[in-house]
Each structure stands twice: as structure tokens, then as C-alpha cells.
Amino acid sequence: LNYAATHQDIIDNCRQGNRQAQFELYRLYSKAMYNICLRMLKDEMDAEDILQNSFIDVFSKLHTFQHQSAIGAWIKRIVINNCINFLKKRRLDIQELTDNHTNVTEERPNEVPDVKLTVEQVNSAVLMLPDGYRVVFTLYMFEGYDHKEIGSILKISEATSKSQYSRAKKKLRQLLKTAHTGSIREY
């Protein structure tokens, strides 16, 4: 894949301050980036604010984009960093663990009951996770980062990332079980 050619004209025009090109870049990526913000921040107004601030950063830092990755991946990194910085200001609660918690094991898939849930129920349950759990879960499950990358991004150990992810899955199962019985509230 030739990353340099992906949206090259739009990027060049944005670098020259062309407002139409900036709008086009925003149009191409804003919905996906808003969804990342919403999953990580769980508040629509905060998500909108971080999205707008992120695109201000994109346009002001576009001269540093080197085409080593796709423009979408570069924008996504800015958005995720801005979400994490916002959460850190609100004191994201991720607890460092002692060494006796380093061997977190994955649950077996057959432990999950065969339940039919809607996308809305799953999204609502994810938004109900505590901030630390939700951020690690989102970065791992939705954004495709591994635990070493998550640890680096959040400045936590890889073991803590794994533990937060494991706890998030456990909590999510509880929330989804509640959703299946019909008592989860819409978020």
C-alpha cells in the first residue's frame, strides 16, 4: 500500500491553508474519530470538544506528517492522545498492580453464555465501564493496540493493561448479563 498517495492532493492543499481541503479531510475522518472519542470519554459534549481540538492539532501539525503511515492512522493517534490527556486531567483511575497480578489469564470462550444482544446494549455497557477499564478495553478491542502499546500510551505496565482489560471484560459480562435480563439503562 502506498501511504504517500493516500489523499495526497487533499493533504497538500490543507498544508497550503485551503479551507475546502481542510473541510474534506475533516469530512473523511471526523465520524470515525468522533466514535473513538465517544467510546473513550463517554460524554457527547466532551467527545465533540476533543474531536474539534484534535482537528485543530491535525491542521496545525500537518507539516510534520511524513507519510510513514496512512493519514487516518496519524489522525487517530492524535485523537487518542488527546482523549487520554483529557482523561488524565480528570484523573483516569488505572491502578498499578504488584507482581502477584502479572499472570492474567484469558477466560475460555465457552464460559460466555449464548445471549442475543443489540449493538446498543453492548455500547451502553461499554460506556458504563469505569474510565480506566473502558480506555484499556477500547484501545485493545476497538483500536487494535496490544498491551505493550497500551502500557506505553497510558504510562502503565503491560501487566496493568492486561489486568485492566481482564477486569473490564468481567465487568462487561456482568453488565451485559444485566442487559440481557432487561434492566440495563440506556446511556
C-alpha atoms as a PDB file:
ATOM      1  CA  LEU A   1       0.000   0.000   0.000  1.00  0.00           C
ATOM      2  CA  ASN A   2       1.359   3.397  -0.979  1.00  0.00           C
ATOM      3  CA  TYR A   3       0.667   5.613   2.047  1.00  0.00           C
ATOM      4  CA  ALA A   4       2.150   8.654   0.322  1.00  0.00           C
ATOM      5  CA  ALA A   5      -0.556   8.613  -2.356  1.00  0.00           C
ATOM      6  CA  THR A   6      -3.489   8.267   0.081  1.00  0.00           C
ATOM      7  CA  HIS A   7      -5.344  11.599  -0.054  1.00  0.00           C
ATOM      8  CA  GLN A   8      -2.106  13.289  -1.207  1.00  0.00           C
ATOM      9  CA  ASP A   9      -3.892  16.137  -3.019  1.00  0.00           C
ATOM     10  CA  ILE A  10      -6.086  16.884  -0.013  1.00  0.00           C
ATOM     11  CA  ILE A  11      -3.090  16.854   2.344  1.00  0.00           C
ATOM     12  CA  ASP A  12      -1.067  19.132   0.051  1.00  0.00           C
ATOM     13  CA  ASN A  13      -3.953  21.575  -0.223  1.00  0.00           C
ATOM     14  CA  CYS A  14      -4.502  21.504   3.549  1.00  0.00           C
ATOM     15  CA  ARG A  15      -0.842  22.343   4.084  1.00  0.00           C
ATOM     16  CA  GLN A  16      -1.372  25.412   1.896  1.00  0.00           C
ATOM     17  CA  GLY A  17      -4.286  26.525   4.079  1.00  0.00           C
ATOM     18  CA  ASN A  18      -7.052  25.598   1.630  1.00  0.00           C
ATOM     19  CA  ARG A  19     -10.265  25.624   3.699  1.00  0.00           C
ATOM     20  CA  GLN A  20     -12.154  23.380   1.257  1.00  0.00           C
ATOM     21  CA  ALA A  21      -9.426  20.731   1.508  1.00  0.00           C
ATOM     22  CA  GLN A  22      -9.479  21.005   5.306  1.00  0.00           C
ATOM     23  CA  PHE A  23     -13.230  20.502   5.274  1.00  0.00           C
ATOM     24  CA  GLU A  24     -12.803  17.471   3.000  1.00  0.00           C
ATOM     25  CA  LEU A  25     -10.185  15.894   5.318  1.00  0.00           C
ATOM     26  CA  TYR A  26     -12.481  16.580   8.266  1.00  0.00           C
ATOM     27  CA  ARG A  27     -15.437  15.055   6.400  1.00  0.00           C
ATOM     28  CA  LEU A  28     -13.453  11.918   5.557  1.00  0.00           C
ATOM     29  CA  TYR A  29     -12.318  11.211   9.120  1.00  0.00           C
ATOM     30  CA  SER A  30     -14.498  13.079  11.622  1.00  0.00           C
ATOM     31  CA  LYS A  31     -17.200  10.430  12.095  1.00  0.00           C
ATOM     32  CA  ALA A  32     -14.745   7.618  12.849  1.00  0.00           C
ATOM     33  CA  MET A  33     -12.697   9.884  15.123  1.00  0.00           C
ATOM     34  CA  TYR A  34     -15.833  11.076  16.942  1.00  0.00           C
ATOM     35  CA  ASN A  35     -16.742   7.440  17.623  1.00  0.00           C
ATOM     36  CA  ILE A  36     -13.299   6.879  19.161  1.00  0.00           C
ATOM     37  CA  CYS A  37     -13.748   9.981  21.338  1.00  0.00           C
ATOM     38  CA  LEU A  38     -17.214   8.904  22.429  1.00  0.00           C
ATOM     39  CA  ARG A  39     -16.085   5.378  23.325  1.00  0.00           C
ATOM     40  CA  MET A  40     -13.172   6.702  25.345  1.00  0.00           C
ATOM     41  CA  LEU A  41     -14.838   9.696  27.009  1.00  0.00           C
ATOM     42  CA  LYS A  42     -18.483   8.511  27.179  1.00  0.00           C
ATOM     43  CA  ASP A  43     -19.795  12.060  27.055  1.00  0.00           C
ATOM     44  CA  GLU A  44     -21.045  13.560  23.787  1.00  0.00           C
ATOM     45  CA  MET A  45     -20.027  17.132  24.600  1.00  0.00           C
ATOM     46  CA  ASP A  46     -16.545  16.098  25.731  1.00  0.00           C
ATOM     47  CA  ALA A  47     -16.216  13.916  22.625  1.00  0.00           C
ATOM     48  CA  GLU A  48     -17.204  16.832  20.374  1.00  0.00           C
ATOM     49  CA  ASP A  49     -14.760  19.172  22.123  1.00  0.00           C
ATOM     50  CA  ILE A  50     -11.859  16.729  21.895  1.00  0.00           C
ATOM     51  CA  LEU A  51     -12.698  15.988  18.258  1.00  0.00           C
ATOM     52  CA  GLN A  52     -12.580  19.696  17.378  1.00  0.00           C
ATOM     53  CA  ASN A  53      -9.367  20.234  19.330  1.00  0.00           C
ATOM     54  CA  SER A  54      -7.850  17.190  17.649  1.00  0.00           C
ATOM     55  CA  PHE A  55      -8.577  18.519  14.177  1.00  0.00           C
ATOM     56  CA  ILE A  56      -7.087  21.870  15.152  1.00  0.00           C
ATOM     57  CA  ASP A  57      -3.985  19.880  16.121  1.00  0.00           C
ATOM     58  CA  VAL A  58      -4.144  17.931  12.843  1.00  0.00           C
ATOM     59  CA  PHE A  59      -4.206  21.082  10.738  1.00  0.00           C
ATOM     60  CA  SER A  60      -1.562  22.880  12.783  1.00  0.00           C
ATOM     61  CA  LYS A  61       0.779  19.851  12.764  1.00  0.00           C
ATOM     62  CA  LEU A  62       0.098  18.604   9.245  1.00  0.00           C
ATOM     63  CA  HIS A  63       3.505  19.878   8.143  1.00  0.00           C
ATOM     64  CA  THR A  64       5.035  17.168  10.377  1.00  0.00           C
ATOM     65  CA  PHE A  65       3.123  14.315   8.701  1.00  0.00           C
ATOM     66  CA  GLN A  66       5.732  12.205   6.882  1.00  0.00           C
ATOM     67  CA  HIS A  67       3.515   9.614   5.105  1.00  0.00           C
ATOM     68  CA  GLN A  68       5.078   6.787   7.106  1.00  0.00           C
ATOM     69  CA  SER A  69       1.553   5.627   7.883  1.00  0.00           C
ATOM     70  CA  ALA A  70      -1.867   6.370   6.455  1.00  0.00           C
ATOM     71  CA  ILE A  71      -3.197   9.844   7.235  1.00  0.00           C
ATOM     72  CA  GLY A  72      -6.132   8.213   9.046  1.00  0.00           C
ATOM     73  CA  ALA A  73      -3.776   6.357  11.399  1.00  0.00           C
ATOM     74  CA  TRP A  74      -1.882   9.591  12.066  1.00  0.00           C
ATOM     75  CA  ILE A  75      -5.117  11.456  12.852  1.00  0.00           C
ATOM     76  CA  LYS A  76      -6.308   8.569  15.034  1.00  0.00           C
ATOM     77  CA  ARG A  77      -3.125   8.758  17.096  1.00  0.00           C
ATOM     78  CA  ILE A  78      -3.684  12.480  17.709  1.00  0.00           C
ATOM     79  CA  VAL A  79      -7.311  11.845  18.711  1.00  0.00           C
ATOM     80  CA  ILE A  80      -6.418   9.014  21.091  1.00  0.00           C
ATOM     81  CA  ASN A  81      -3.622  11.044  22.685  1.00  0.00           C
ATOM     82  CA  ASN A  82      -5.989  13.991  23.188  1.00  0.00           C
ATOM     83  CA  CYS A  83      -8.615  11.687  24.751  1.00  0.00           C
ATOM     84  CA  ILE A  84      -6.039  10.201  27.094  1.00  0.00           C
ATOM     85  CA  ASN A  85      -4.726  13.639  28.072  1.00  0.00           C
ATOM     86  CA  PHE A  86      -8.287  14.777  28.775  1.00  0.00           C
ATOM     87  CA  LEU A  87      -8.931  11.717  30.937  1.00  0.00           C
ATOM     88  CA  LYS A  88      -5.639  12.184  32.784  1.00  0.00           C
ATOM     89  CA  LYS A  89      -6.694  15.704  33.659  1.00  0.00           C
ATOM     90  CA  ARG A  90      -9.856  14.168  35.096  1.00  0.00           C
ATOM     91  CA  ARG A  91      -7.663  11.658  36.952  1.00  0.00           C
ATOM     92  CA  LEU A  92      -8.074   8.458  34.975  1.00  0.00           C
ATOM     93  CA  ASP A  93      -8.111   5.695  37.561  1.00  0.00           C
ATOM     94  CA  ILE A  94      -5.772   2.929  36.497  1.00  0.00           C
ATOM     95  CA  GLN A  95      -4.248   1.111  39.411  1.00  0.00           C
ATOM     96  CA  GLU A  96      -0.735  -0.250  39.180  1.00  0.00           C
ATOM     97  CA  LEU A  97      -0.583  -3.825  40.357  1.00  0.00           C
ATOM     98  CA  THR A  98       2.014  -5.692  42.331  1.00  0.00           C
ATOM     99  CA  ASP A  99       3.932  -8.555  40.742  1.00  0.00           C
ATOM    100  CA  ASN A 100       1.483 -11.163  42.027  1.00  0.00           C
ATOM    101  CA  HIS A 101      -1.041  -9.933  39.431  1.00  0.00           C
ATOM    102  CA  THR A 102       1.189 -10.193  36.372  1.00  0.00           C
ATOM    103  CA  ASN A 103      -0.158 -13.505  35.073  1.00  0.00           C
ATOM    104  CA  VAL A 104      -3.636 -12.548  33.961  1.00  0.00           C
ATOM    105  CA  THR A 105      -5.235 -15.364  32.024  1.00  0.00           C
ATOM    106  CA  GLU A 106      -7.862 -15.138  29.324  1.00  0.00           C
ATOM    107  CA  GLU A 107     -11.231 -16.713  30.040  1.00  0.00           C
ATOM    108  CA  ARG A 108     -12.284 -19.528  27.763  1.00  0.00           C
ATOM    109  CA  PRO A 109     -14.853 -18.596  25.111  1.00  0.00           C
ATOM    110  CA  ASN A 110     -17.181 -21.413  26.223  1.00  0.00           C
ATOM    111  CA  GLU A 111     -17.710 -19.575  29.516  1.00  0.00           C
ATOM    112  CA  VAL A 112     -19.739 -16.910  27.720  1.00  0.00           C
ATOM    113  CA  PRO A 113     -23.431 -17.804  27.546  1.00  0.00           C
ATOM    114  CA  ASP A 114     -25.174 -17.770  24.179  1.00  0.00           C
ATOM    115  CA  VAL A 115     -27.026 -14.474  24.501  1.00  0.00           C
ATOM    116  CA  LYS A 116     -28.530 -12.255  21.832  1.00  0.00           C
ATOM    117  CA  LEU A 117     -27.731  -8.602  22.496  1.00  0.00           C
ATOM    118  CA  THR A 118     -28.156  -5.490  20.411  1.00  0.00           C
ATOM    119  CA  VAL A 119     -25.298  -3.209  19.424  1.00  0.00           C
ATOM    120  CA  GLU A 120     -26.931  -0.518  21.542  1.00  0.00           C
ATOM    121  CA  GLN A 121     -26.859  -2.763  24.622  1.00  0.00           C
ATOM    122  CA  VAL A 122     -23.176  -3.552  24.105  1.00  0.00           C
ATOM    123  CA  ASN A 123     -22.311   0.123  23.513  1.00  0.00           C
ATOM    124  CA  SER A 124     -24.270   1.145  26.602  1.00  0.00           C
ATOM    125  CA  ALA A 125     -22.480  -1.453  28.700  1.00  0.00           C
ATOM    126  CA  VAL A 126     -19.046  -0.334  27.431  1.00  0.00           C
ATOM    127  CA  LEU A 127     -19.897   3.261  28.330  1.00  0.00           C
ATOM    128  CA  MET A 128     -20.816   2.151  31.849  1.00  0.00           C
ATOM    129  CA  LEU A 129     -17.340   0.740  32.497  1.00  0.00           C
ATOM    130  CA  PRO A 130     -15.117   2.756  34.850  1.00  0.00           C
ATOM    131  CA  ASP A 131     -12.777   5.099  32.930  1.00  0.00           C
ATOM    132  CA  GLY A 132      -9.622   3.011  33.342  1.00  0.00           C
ATOM    133  CA  TYR A 133     -11.324  -0.199  32.263  1.00  0.00           C
ATOM    134  CA  ARG A 134     -13.107   1.480  29.356  1.00  0.00           C
ATOM    135  CA  VAL A 135      -9.981   3.139  27.967  1.00  0.00           C
ATOM    136  CA  VAL A 136      -7.894  -0.044  28.041  1.00  0.00           C
ATOM    137  CA  PHE A 137     -10.787  -2.115  26.662  1.00  0.00           C
ATOM    138  CA  THR A 138     -11.402   0.395  23.861  1.00  0.00           C
ATOM    139  CA  LEU A 139      -7.746   0.663  22.888  1.00  0.00           C
ATOM    140  CA  TYR A 140      -7.369  -3.139  22.847  1.00  0.00           C
ATOM    141  CA  MET A 141     -10.681  -4.316  21.370  1.00  0.00           C
ATOM    142  CA  PHE A 142     -11.717  -1.459  19.099  1.00  0.00           C
ATOM    143  CA  GLU A 143      -8.485   0.261  18.156  1.00  0.00           C
ATOM    144  CA  GLY A 144      -6.253  -2.822  17.881  1.00  0.00           C
ATOM    145  CA  TYR A 145      -3.420  -1.819  20.204  1.00  0.00           C
ATOM    146  CA  ASP A 146      -1.591  -4.579  22.071  1.00  0.00           C
ATOM    147  CA  HIS A 147      -0.974  -4.406  25.813  1.00  0.00           C
ATOM    148  CA  LYS A 148       2.630  -3.274  25.416  1.00  0.00           C
ATOM    149  CA  GLU A 149       1.476  -0.325  23.249  1.00  0.00           C
ATOM    150  CA  ILE A 150      -1.338   0.481  25.672  1.00  0.00           C
ATOM    151  CA  GLY A 151       1.118   0.446  28.553  1.00  0.00           C
ATOM    152  CA  SER A 152       3.356   2.857  26.673  1.00  0.00           C
ATOM    153  CA  ILE A 153       0.476   5.173  25.739  1.00  0.00           C
ATOM    154  CA  LEU A 154      -1.014   5.260  29.242  1.00  0.00           C
ATOM    155  CA  LYS A 155       2.347   5.099  31.029  1.00  0.00           C
ATOM    156  CA  ILE A 156       1.389   1.932  32.902  1.00  0.00           C
ATOM    157  CA  SER A 157       2.923  -1.522  32.902  1.00  0.00           C
ATOM    158  CA  GLU A 158       1.935  -4.131  30.351  1.00  0.00           C
ATOM    159  CA  ALA A 159       0.665  -6.283  33.254  1.00  0.00           C
ATOM    160  CA  THR A 160      -1.580  -3.459  34.432  1.00  0.00           C
ATOM    161  CA  SER A 161      -3.004  -3.107  30.929  1.00  0.00           C
ATOM    162  CA  LYS A 162      -3.737  -6.842  30.837  1.00  0.00           C
ATOM    163  CA  SER A 163      -5.302  -6.709  34.273  1.00  0.00           C
ATOM    164  CA  GLN A 164      -7.467  -3.697  33.422  1.00  0.00           C
ATOM    165  CA  TYR A 165      -8.581  -5.447  30.226  1.00  0.00           C
ATOM    166  CA  SER A 166      -9.405  -8.654  32.120  1.00  0.00           C
ATOM    167  CA  ARG A 167     -11.355  -6.708  34.736  1.00  0.00           C
ATOM    168  CA  ALA A 168     -13.138  -4.745  32.004  1.00  0.00           C
ATOM    169  CA  LYS A 169     -14.248  -7.974  30.334  1.00  0.00           C
ATOM    170  CA  LYS A 170     -15.510  -9.351  33.646  1.00  0.00           C
ATOM    171  CA  LYS A 171     -17.410  -6.151  34.412  1.00  0.00           C
ATOM    172  CA  LEU A 172     -18.743  -6.019  30.854  1.00  0.00           C
ATOM    173  CA  ARG A 173     -20.050  -9.586  31.173  1.00  0.00           C
ATOM    174  CA  GLN A 174     -21.886  -8.563  34.352  1.00  0.00           C
ATOM    175  CA  LEU A 175     -23.335  -5.502  32.646  1.00  0.00           C
ATOM    176  CA  LEU A 176     -24.366  -7.488  29.582  1.00  0.00           C
ATOM    177  CA  LYS A 177     -25.969 -10.170  31.728  1.00  0.00           C
ATOM    178  CA  THR A 178     -27.986  -7.389  33.333  1.00  0.00           C
ATOM    179  CA  ALA A 179     -28.761  -6.025  29.854  1.00  0.00           C
ATOM    180  CA  HIS A 180     -29.969  -9.443  28.744  1.00  0.00           C
ATOM    181  CA  THR A 181     -32.384  -9.566  31.665  1.00  0.00           C
ATOM    182  CA  GLY A 182     -33.668  -6.174  30.532  1.00  0.00           C
ATOM    183  CA  SER A 183     -32.604  -3.942  33.375  1.00  0.00           C
ATOM    184  CA  ILE A 184     -29.660  -2.066  31.819  1.00  0.00           C
ATOM    185  CA  ARG A 185     -30.320   1.607  31.348  1.00  0.00           C
ATOM    186  CA  GLU A 186     -29.691   3.256  28.013  1.00  0.00           C
ATOM    187  CA  TYR A 187     -26.773   5.642  28.081  1.00  0.00           C
END
